[in-house]
Amino acid sequence: MSEIFENIGKIQYEGADGKHALAFHYYDKERVIMGKPMREHLPFAMAWWHNLCATGVDMFGRGSADKSFGAREGTMEHARAKVDAGFEFMEKLGIEYFCFHDVDLVPEADDIRETNRRLDEISDYMLEKMKETGIKCLWGTANMFGNPRFMNGAGSTNSADVYCFAAAQIKKALDLTVKLGGRGYVFWGGREGYETLLNTDVKFEQENIARLMRMAVAYARSIGFTGDFYIEPKPKEPMKHQYDFDAATAIGFLRQYGLEKDFKLNIEANHATLAGHTFQHDLRISAINGMLGSIDANQGDCLLGWDTDEFPFNVYESTMCMYEVLKNGGITGGFNFDAKTRRPSYTKEDMFAGYILGMDTFALGLIKAAELIEDGRIDDFVRERYLSYQSGIGAKIVSGGASLAELAAYAEKMGAPKLPGSGRQEYLEGVVNQILFR
């Protein structure tokens, strides 16, 4: 088999002072950070859909990038060519995982039985490549948002027939995930929401989504899937309001419907910012609830109000992300680059440059997050800020031994309390800058 990415060799680490365009400047996979090599802290994954399928199509124009990889698109020959291209790409970058939707892998047929036959054929070929290379599957999912049948959602659809079709897709995607040894399975509710409340029974739709998720869990466990299920929160686009709005909303949903034992969250940076949060916020909310599972590593554009899926280059954000991950003791999933090159960046070299940018950005974020933790000033400040709860009436509050009447009596005896200690936000932000730029 001939090389698809000709004249591009295995990407090497050359250090921060290197000038080579296709080289790592911060991602040194064997460098030990806080007791583990970088590659273990950062299990990177290639997103099959963006990297091997997306051509730069937008609402104003056709694609600018050639992703045919030498085959006629829409054929099984093209599906095999994408497998060849994907595994060559991952090997050259040293990426150990991939993620997929069902219809990323093969062209969807009119009959689901034929689609499933094609999926069986291509997954057999993928297994051969996985055995040859040692590359693994991070997670799988089903695309239940692209086809017009899902215009009103999959689990939230008003059509029982469409609901059954969604169930069939999930069943097959779970079969593939188990076959390929995936560590997780993701539900991204791309159209699980509403455009107007005038035609929507919100309670019924949310209950139906939960029913579908429970069925998926039961089936997956019956065929030997032992990994985590993930919900990937997103507030809007394509629906005006989506039911998995942000981390807190998704966690509330999981607990309401008894799904919290099997599900964690897959947090995407761009989705968090679309919800009006920072990336760090949704990571922290997930972590403190024991539900930080996996991460979609990308970023949005603050000047654009939609999901731009850019490769991450904001080191401040990646540092804060890795600060949360390290504080959480790591994640059970990985770092999937749900990111695509910009429309004018259409060459094969650009594909590599995007991943190098993302991998370097998170590597530098890991280095700086570890330095922040080892520096200790932020942790020390936070600990000292809540010292009033370590003794006296504060300790009694925390232990649950205080009553409202007792606290009221304490306040009357005390009179006016002193102002709380300064939050010193500017000082702490200065600490971050000092660590980041030294």
Protein backbone atom coordinates (compact mmCIF):
# COMPACT_ATOMS: atom_id res chain seq x y z
CA MET A 1 0.00 0.00 0.00
CA SER A 2 1.42 3.38 -1.01
CA GLU A 3 1.70 6.29 1.40
CA ILE A 4 -1.22 8.69 1.43
CA PHE A 5 0.61 11.47 3.25
CA GLU A 6 3.72 11.49 1.09
CA ASN A 7 6.73 13.54 2.12
CA ILE A 8 5.47 13.71 5.73
CA GLY A 9 7.44 11.52 8.07
CA LYS A 10 6.85 10.59 11.69
CA ILE A 11 6.44 13.81 13.67
CA GLN A 12 9.34 14.30 16.09
CA TYR A 13 9.78 16.34 19.26
CA GLU A 14 12.37 19.08 18.73
CA GLY A 15 11.79 21.39 21.71
CA ALA A 16 10.53 24.90 22.27
CA ASP A 17 13.30 26.52 20.24
CA GLY A 18 12.71 24.39 17.14
CA LYS A 19 11.60 26.08 13.93
CA HIS A 20 10.39 23.08 11.90
CA ALA A 21 6.73 23.47 10.97
CA LEU A 22 5.84 19.79 11.37
CA ALA A 23 7.44 19.04 14.73
CA PHE A 24 6.38 19.01 18.36
CA HIS A 25 7.71 21.86 20.45
CA TYR A 26 6.15 20.92 23.82
CA TYR A 27 4.68 17.44 23.45
CA ASP A 28 7.47 15.15 24.59
CA LYS A 29 5.51 11.97 25.20
CA GLU A 30 7.98 10.34 27.59
CA ARG A 31 8.61 13.44 29.70
CA VAL A 32 7.52 12.69 33.25
CA ILE A 33 5.08 15.17 34.83
CA MET A 34 3.97 14.55 38.40
CA GLY A 35 5.04 10.91 38.26
CA LYS A 36 3.60 9.93 34.86
CA PRO A 37 4.80 10.30 31.27
CA MET A 38 3.02 12.91 29.20
CA ARG A 39 1.39 10.32 26.95
CA GLU A 40 -0.41 8.81 29.97
CA HIS A 41 -1.67 12.20 31.15
CA LEU A 42 -2.78 13.02 27.59
CA PRO A 43 -4.35 10.04 25.80
CA PHE A 44 -5.02 11.90 22.55
CA ALA A 45 -7.62 10.73 20.05
CA MET A 46 -8.31 11.52 16.39
CA ALA A 47 -11.91 12.48 15.54
CA TRP A 48 -12.78 10.40 12.47
CA TRP A 49 -15.50 12.84 11.31
CA HIS A 50 -13.53 16.08 11.21
CA ASN A 51 -10.15 14.73 10.22
CA LEU A 52 -11.13 12.20 7.56
CA CYS A 53 -14.54 13.47 6.44
CA ALA A 54 -14.81 17.25 6.80
CA THR A 55 -13.90 19.15 3.64
CA GLY A 56 -14.59 22.71 4.77
CA VAL A 57 -18.16 22.87 3.51
CA ASP A 58 -20.11 25.77 4.99
CA MET A 59 -23.53 27.30 4.31
CA PHE A 60 -22.00 29.57 1.68
CA GLY A 61 -19.83 27.18 -0.31
CA ARG A 62 -18.70 23.68 -1.16
CA GLY A 63 -15.65 22.01 0.34
CA SER A 64 -12.13 23.27 -0.17
CA ALA A 65 -10.20 20.20 1.03
CA ASP A 66 -9.80 16.90 -0.83
CA LYS A 67 -10.60 14.04 1.55
CA SER A 68 -11.03 11.40 -1.16
CA PHE A 69 -7.62 9.85 -0.37
CA GLY A 70 -7.46 8.53 -3.92
CA ALA A 71 -10.88 6.83 -3.96
CA ARG A 72 -14.32 7.71 -5.27
CA GLU A 73 -16.34 9.23 -2.46
CA GLY A 74 -19.52 7.53 -1.32
CA THR A 75 -18.13 4.03 -1.93
CA MET A 76 -16.75 1.27 0.26
CA GLU A 77 -13.43 1.80 -1.53
CA HIS A 78 -13.46 5.32 -0.08
CA ALA A 79 -14.36 3.94 3.37
CA ARG A 80 -11.27 1.69 3.24
CA ALA A 81 -9.14 4.59 1.99
CA LYS A 82 -10.21 6.63 5.03
CA VAL A 83 -9.13 3.75 7.28
CA ASP A 84 -5.73 3.67 5.55
CA ALA A 85 -5.38 7.43 5.80
CA GLY A 86 -6.51 7.57 9.43
CA PHE A 87 -4.13 4.92 10.69
CA GLU A 88 -1.18 6.34 8.72
CA PHE A 89 -2.02 9.78 10.12
CA MET A 90 -2.23 8.53 13.71
CA GLU A 91 0.97 6.52 13.43
CA LYS A 92 2.90 9.50 12.10
CA LEU A 93 1.66 11.70 14.95
CA GLY A 94 1.98 9.07 17.66
CA ILE A 95 -1.75 9.28 18.46
CA GLU A 96 -2.94 6.14 20.22
CA TYR A 97 -6.75 6.47 19.98
CA PHE A 98 -9.58 7.39 17.63
CA CYS A 99 -13.29 8.24 18.04
CA PHE A 100 -16.05 7.66 15.50
CA HIS A 101 -19.72 8.06 14.56
CA ASP A 102 -21.27 5.16 12.68
CA VAL A 103 -21.85 7.10 9.45
CA ASP A 104 -18.31 8.50 9.49
CA LEU A 105 -17.07 5.01 8.69
CA VAL A 106 -19.23 4.04 5.72
CA PRO A 107 -21.73 5.66 3.36
CA GLU A 108 -25.22 5.21 4.78
CA ALA A 109 -27.49 3.01 2.65
CA ASP A 110 -31.25 3.35 2.21
CA ASP A 111 -31.72 0.08 4.09
CA ILE A 112 -30.26 -0.10 7.61
CA ARG A 113 -29.45 -3.77 7.08
CA GLU A 114 -27.11 -2.83 4.25
CA THR A 115 -25.59 -0.03 6.32
CA ASN A 116 -24.92 -2.55 9.10
CA ARG A 117 -23.36 -4.99 6.63
CA ARG A 118 -21.02 -2.22 5.46
CA LEU A 119 -20.16 -1.39 9.08
CA ASP A 120 -19.31 -5.02 9.74
CA GLU A 121 -17.04 -5.06 6.69
CA ILE A 122 -15.19 -1.85 7.51
CA SER A 123 -14.83 -2.65 11.22
CA ASP A 124 -13.18 -5.96 10.28
CA TYR A 125 -10.66 -3.96 8.27
CA MET A 126 -10.20 -1.50 11.14
CA LEU A 127 -9.48 -4.37 13.52
CA GLU A 128 -6.69 -5.54 11.21
CA LYS A 129 -5.17 -2.07 11.29
CA MET A 130 -5.54 -1.86 15.06
CA LYS A 131 -3.69 -5.15 15.51
CA GLU A 132 -0.91 -3.98 13.17
CA THR A 133 -0.42 -0.60 14.84
CA GLY A 134 -1.57 -0.96 18.46
CA ILE A 135 -3.92 2.00 17.98
CA LYS A 136 -7.13 1.73 20.01
CA CYS A 137 -10.69 3.05 20.07
CA LEU A 138 -11.43 5.67 22.72
CA TRP A 139 -15.18 5.88 22.17
CA GLY A 140 -17.92 5.40 19.63
CA THR A 141 -21.27 7.05 19.02
CA ALA A 142 -24.15 7.15 16.53
CA ASN A 143 -24.90 10.11 14.28
CA MET A 144 -28.55 10.83 15.08
CA PHE A 145 -28.63 14.42 13.93
CA GLY A 146 -27.49 14.56 10.29
CA ASN A 147 -30.23 12.66 8.47
CA PRO A 148 -33.53 14.54 7.91
CA ARG A 149 -35.36 11.80 9.84
CA PHE A 150 -33.84 13.30 13.00
CA MET A 151 -35.14 16.83 12.39
CA ASN A 152 -37.00 16.62 15.72
CA GLY A 153 -34.34 14.65 17.52
CA ALA A 154 -33.78 10.95 18.13
CA GLY A 155 -34.73 10.20 21.73
CA SER A 156 -36.84 13.36 21.77
CA THR A 157 -38.57 12.75 18.42
CA ASN A 158 -42.35 12.90 18.11
CA SER A 159 -42.25 9.82 15.82
CA ALA A 160 -42.17 6.34 17.36
CA ASP A 161 -40.81 4.97 14.06
CA VAL A 162 -37.87 7.39 14.12
CA TYR A 163 -37.32 6.50 17.80
CA CYS A 164 -37.04 2.82 16.82
CA PHE A 165 -34.60 3.67 14.03
CA ALA A 166 -32.48 5.60 16.53
CA ALA A 167 -32.50 2.57 18.81
CA ALA A 168 -31.30 0.41 15.92
CA GLN A 169 -28.43 2.80 15.21
CA ILE A 170 -27.42 2.90 18.87
CA LYS A 171 -27.49 -0.90 19.08
CA LYS A 172 -25.18 -1.23 16.09
CA ALA A 173 -22.88 1.57 17.29
CA LEU A 174 -22.60 -0.22 20.65
CA ASP A 175 -21.82 -3.49 18.85
CA LEU A 176 -19.03 -1.71 16.96
CA THR A 177 -17.70 0.00 20.09
CA VAL A 178 -17.44 -3.34 21.89
CA LYS A 179 -15.96 -5.03 18.80
CA LEU A 180 -13.29 -2.33 18.54
CA GLY A 181 -12.58 -2.33 22.30
CA GLY A 182 -13.83 1.22 22.94
CA ARG A 183 -13.38 2.65 26.42
CA GLY A 184 -16.59 4.67 26.27
CA TYR A 185 -19.78 5.46 24.39
CA VAL A 186 -21.06 9.02 23.88
CA PHE A 187 -24.54 10.49 23.61
CA TRP A 188 -24.35 13.88 21.98
CA GLY A 189 -27.90 15.24 21.76
CA GLY A 190 -27.35 17.17 18.56
CA ARG A 191 -31.08 17.69 18.02
CA GLU A 192 -32.42 16.61 21.41
CA GLY A 193 -34.18 19.86 22.20
CA TYR A 194 -36.77 22.22 20.82
CA GLU A 195 -37.25 25.16 18.51
CA THR A 196 -40.48 26.36 20.16
CA LEU A 197 -42.41 25.38 23.27
CA LEU A 198 -45.66 25.84 21.34
CA ASN A 199 -45.37 22.34 19.83
CA THR A 200 -43.26 20.61 22.49
CA ASP A 201 -44.03 18.33 25.44
CA VAL A 202 -40.74 18.82 27.29
CA LYS A 203 -41.50 16.36 30.09
CA PHE A 204 -42.43 13.58 27.65
CA GLU A 205 -39.37 14.20 25.47
CA GLN A 206 -36.94 14.13 28.38
CA GLU A 207 -38.54 10.95 29.75
CA ASN A 208 -38.23 9.33 26.32
CA ILE A 209 -34.54 10.27 26.08
CA ALA A 210 -33.98 8.67 29.49
CA ARG A 211 -35.83 5.51 28.37
CA LEU A 212 -33.57 5.22 25.33
CA MET A 213 -30.44 5.68 27.46
CA ARG A 214 -31.59 3.04 29.95
CA MET A 215 -32.20 0.58 27.10
CA ALA A 216 -28.74 1.34 25.71
CA VAL A 217 -27.09 0.69 29.07
CA ALA A 218 -28.94 -2.59 29.53
CA TYR A 219 -28.01 -3.81 26.05
CA ALA A 220 -24.39 -2.71 26.29
CA ARG A 221 -23.85 -4.45 29.62
CA SER A 222 -25.46 -7.60 28.19
CA ILE A 223 -22.83 -7.77 25.42
CA GLY A 224 -19.88 -7.15 27.74
CA PHE A 225 -19.35 -3.39 27.56
CA THR A 226 -17.69 -2.35 30.82
CA GLY A 227 -16.78 1.25 29.97
CA ASP A 228 -18.46 4.54 30.76
CA PHE A 229 -21.33 6.16 28.94
CA TYR A 230 -20.95 9.88 28.38
CA ILE A 231 -23.29 12.80 27.82
CA GLU A 232 -21.69 15.66 25.91
CA PRO A 233 -23.39 18.91 26.98
CA LYS A 234 -24.17 21.63 24.45
CA PRO A 235 -26.59 24.54 24.94
CA LYS A 236 -27.76 25.30 21.41
CA GLU A 237 -27.10 24.78 17.70
CA PRO A 238 -28.64 23.21 15.85
CA MET A 239 -31.67 23.38 18.19
CA LYS A 240 -32.51 26.70 19.84
CA HIS A 241 -32.50 24.99 23.24
CA GLN A 242 -30.93 21.58 23.83
CA TYR A 243 -31.75 19.48 26.87
CA ASP A 244 -28.07 18.84 27.73
CA PHE A 245 -27.43 22.59 28.09
CA ASP A 246 -24.33 22.42 30.31
CA ALA A 247 -22.60 20.18 32.85
CA ALA A 248 -24.92 21.05 35.74
CA THR A 249 -28.05 20.49 33.62
CA ALA A 250 -26.77 17.15 32.31
CA ILE A 251 -25.84 15.98 35.82
CA GLY A 252 -29.30 16.91 37.09
CA PHE A 253 -30.88 14.94 34.23
CA LEU A 254 -28.76 11.87 34.95
CA ARG A 255 -29.65 11.91 38.64
CA GLN A 256 -33.34 12.55 38.01
CA TYR A 257 -33.61 9.47 35.83
CA GLY A 258 -31.26 7.16 37.78
CA LEU A 259 -28.49 7.09 35.15
CA GLU A 260 -25.65 8.50 37.26
CA LYS A 261 -24.03 5.11 37.99
CA ASP A 262 -23.32 4.42 34.32
CA PHE A 263 -22.81 7.91 32.91
CA LYS A 264 -20.13 10.56 33.13
CA LEU A 265 -19.69 13.70 31.04
CA ASN A 266 -17.64 14.35 27.93
CA ILE A 267 -16.87 18.07 28.23
CA GLU A 268 -16.13 20.10 25.13
CA ALA A 269 -14.44 23.48 25.45
CA ASN A 270 -16.45 25.16 22.68
CA HIS A 271 -19.75 23.89 24.08
CA ALA A 272 -18.96 25.27 27.54
CA THR A 273 -18.29 28.74 26.17
CA LEU A 274 -21.48 28.65 24.09
CA ALA A 275 -23.33 28.04 27.37
CA GLY A 276 -21.81 31.22 28.78
CA HIS A 277 -19.30 29.39 30.95
CA THR A 278 -15.56 28.92 30.89
CA PHE A 279 -14.16 25.54 29.89
CA GLN A 280 -12.79 25.28 33.42
CA HIS A 281 -16.25 25.82 34.91
CA ASP A 282 -17.86 22.80 33.25
CA LEU A 283 -14.79 20.69 34.07
CA ARG A 284 -14.96 21.72 37.74
CA ILE A 285 -18.71 21.10 38.00
CA SER A 286 -18.25 17.65 36.46
CA ALA A 287 -15.29 16.83 38.70
CA ILE A 288 -16.87 17.82 42.02
CA ASN A 289 -19.84 15.61 41.14
CA GLY A 290 -17.61 12.64 40.29
CA MET A 291 -18.64 12.79 36.63
CA LEU A 292 -15.61 14.14 34.73
CA GLY A 293 -15.09 11.40 32.20
CA SER A 294 -13.61 12.58 28.91
CA ILE A 295 -12.74 15.80 27.06
CA ASP A 296 -13.28 17.13 23.55
CA ALA A 297 -10.24 19.31 23.04
CA ASN A 298 -11.04 22.32 20.89
CA GLN A 299 -11.93 25.98 21.24
CA GLY A 300 -14.40 28.47 19.83
CA ASP A 301 -14.08 32.00 18.54
CA CYS A 302 -15.37 34.60 21.01
CA LEU A 303 -16.47 36.78 18.08
CA LEU A 304 -18.70 34.04 16.64
CA GLY A 305 -21.77 32.63 18.35
CA TRP A 306 -21.63 29.10 17.02
CA ASP A 307 -19.62 25.92 17.32
CA THR A 308 -16.44 26.67 15.33
CA ASP A 309 -14.45 23.60 16.51
CA GLU A 310 -11.05 25.24 16.16
CA PHE A 311 -7.86 23.49 17.14
CA PRO A 312 -6.92 24.75 20.60
CA PHE A 313 -4.14 27.31 20.85
CA ASN A 314 -5.17 29.20 24.01
CA VAL A 315 -2.57 28.04 26.54
CA TYR A 316 -4.31 29.82 29.42
CA GLU A 317 -7.42 27.70 28.80
CA SER A 318 -5.47 24.46 28.35
CA THR A 319 -3.57 25.18 31.58
CA MET A 320 -6.80 25.67 33.51
CA CYS A 321 -8.19 22.50 31.90
CA MET A 322 -5.19 20.43 32.94
CA TYR A 323 -5.27 22.00 36.40
CA GLU A 324 -8.77 20.53 36.82
CA VAL A 325 -7.75 17.19 35.32
CA LEU A 326 -4.70 16.84 37.57
CA LYS A 327 -6.75 17.85 40.62
CA ASN A 328 -9.27 15.19 39.61
CA GLY A 329 -6.57 12.51 39.51
CA GLY A 330 -6.89 12.19 35.73
CA ILE A 331 -9.84 11.09 33.61
CA THR A 332 -11.16 7.69 32.56
CA GLY A 333 -11.56 8.81 28.96
CA GLY A 334 -9.16 10.85 26.87
CA PHE A 335 -8.63 14.02 24.85
CA ASN A 336 -10.48 13.81 21.56
CA PHE A 337 -9.65 16.52 19.03
CA ASP A 338 -13.18 17.39 17.95
CA ALA A 339 -11.53 20.06 15.83
CA LYS A 340 -11.07 20.89 12.19
CA THR A 341 -8.74 23.05 10.19
CA ARG A 342 -10.12 26.36 8.91
CA ARG A 343 -11.65 26.40 5.44
CA PRO A 344 -8.60 28.10 3.85
CA SER A 345 -6.29 25.53 5.51
CA TYR A 346 -7.00 22.73 3.07
CA THR A 347 -3.73 20.84 2.50
CA LYS A 348 -2.57 17.54 4.00
CA GLU A 349 0.20 19.45 5.78
CA ASP A 350 -2.49 21.60 7.40
CA MET A 351 -4.14 18.46 8.80
CA PHE A 352 -0.89 17.63 10.61
CA ALA A 353 -0.27 21.21 11.66
CA GLY A 354 -3.68 21.34 13.34
CA TYR A 355 -3.02 18.26 15.45
CA ILE A 356 0.51 19.39 16.29
CA LEU A 357 -0.93 22.71 17.47
CA GLY A 358 -3.53 20.98 19.63
CA MET A 359 -1.14 18.42 21.11
CA ASP A 360 1.47 21.05 21.87
CA THR A 361 -1.13 23.36 23.43
CA PHE A 362 -2.32 20.68 25.84
CA ALA A 363 1.23 19.52 26.55
CA LEU A 364 2.20 23.06 27.52
CA GLY A 365 -1.00 23.34 29.54
CA LEU A 366 -0.07 20.14 31.40
CA ILE A 367 3.42 21.44 32.15
CA LYS A 368 2.12 24.75 33.47
CA ALA A 369 -0.77 23.20 35.43
CA ALA A 370 1.69 20.91 37.20
CA GLU A 371 3.87 23.93 38.01
CA LEU A 372 0.84 25.77 39.44
CA ILE A 373 0.04 22.83 41.70
CA GLU A 374 3.65 22.32 42.75
CA ASP A 375 4.02 26.07 43.40
CA GLY A 376 1.24 25.74 45.97
CA ARG A 377 0.25 29.38 46.36
CA ILE A 378 -3.22 28.96 44.89
CA ASP A 379 -3.99 25.87 46.97
CA ASP A 380 -2.65 27.55 50.10
CA PHE A 381 -4.79 30.63 49.52
CA VAL A 382 -7.98 28.63 48.94
CA ARG A 383 -7.32 26.55 52.05
CA GLU A 384 -6.74 29.63 54.20
CA ARG A 385 -9.82 31.39 52.76
CA TYR A 386 -12.11 28.86 54.44
CA LEU A 387 -10.25 28.50 57.74
CA SER A 388 -13.19 29.92 59.70
CA TYR A 389 -14.95 26.60 59.12
CA GLN A 390 -12.13 24.60 60.74
CA SER A 391 -12.93 25.49 64.35
CA GLY A 392 -15.61 27.00 66.61
CA ILE A 393 -19.01 27.74 65.14
CA GLY A 394 -17.71 27.12 61.61
CA ALA A 395 -16.71 23.55 62.43
CA LYS A 396 -20.11 22.99 64.05
CA ILE A 397 -21.84 24.19 60.85
CA VAL A 398 -19.82 21.78 58.70
CA SER A 399 -20.42 18.84 61.02
CA GLY A 400 -24.17 19.37 60.83
CA GLY A 401 -24.43 19.94 64.55
CA ALA A 402 -25.72 23.52 64.43
CA SER A 403 -29.33 24.62 64.29
CA LEU A 404 -30.71 27.74 62.65
CA ALA A 405 -31.74 29.12 66.05
CA GLU A 406 -28.24 28.53 67.44
CA LEU A 407 -26.66 30.39 64.52
CA ALA A 408 -29.10 33.27 64.95
CA ALA A 409 -28.23 33.50 68.65
CA TYR A 410 -24.52 33.46 67.79
CA ALA A 411 -25.05 36.32 65.31
CA GLU A 412 -27.00 38.42 67.86
CA LYS A 413 -24.26 38.01 70.43
CA MET A 414 -21.55 38.83 67.88
CA GLY A 415 -23.14 41.96 66.43
CA ALA A 416 -21.96 43.00 62.97
CA PRO A 417 -19.40 40.57 61.49
CA LYS A 418 -16.14 41.76 60.03
CA LEU A 419 -15.85 41.80 56.26
CA PRO A 420 -14.67 38.47 54.83
CA GLY A 421 -11.00 38.33 53.90
CA SER A 422 -10.03 39.71 50.51
CA GLY A 423 -10.57 37.38 47.57
CA ARG A 424 -7.28 38.66 46.09
CA GLN A 425 -8.34 37.73 42.56
CA GLU A 426 -5.81 40.05 40.94
CA TYR A 427 -2.97 38.57 42.99
CA LEU A 428 -3.98 35.01 42.04
CA GLU A 429 -4.26 35.91 38.36
CA GLY A 430 -0.79 37.37 38.67
CA VAL A 431 0.46 34.06 40.09
CA VAL A 432 -0.98 32.27 37.07
CA ASN A 433 0.75 34.70 34.69
CA GLN A 434 4.02 34.37 36.60
CA ILE A 435 3.94 30.59 36.23
CA LEU A 436 2.68 30.69 32.67
CA PHE A 437 5.31 33.00 31.28
CA ARG A 438 8.43 32.20 33.24
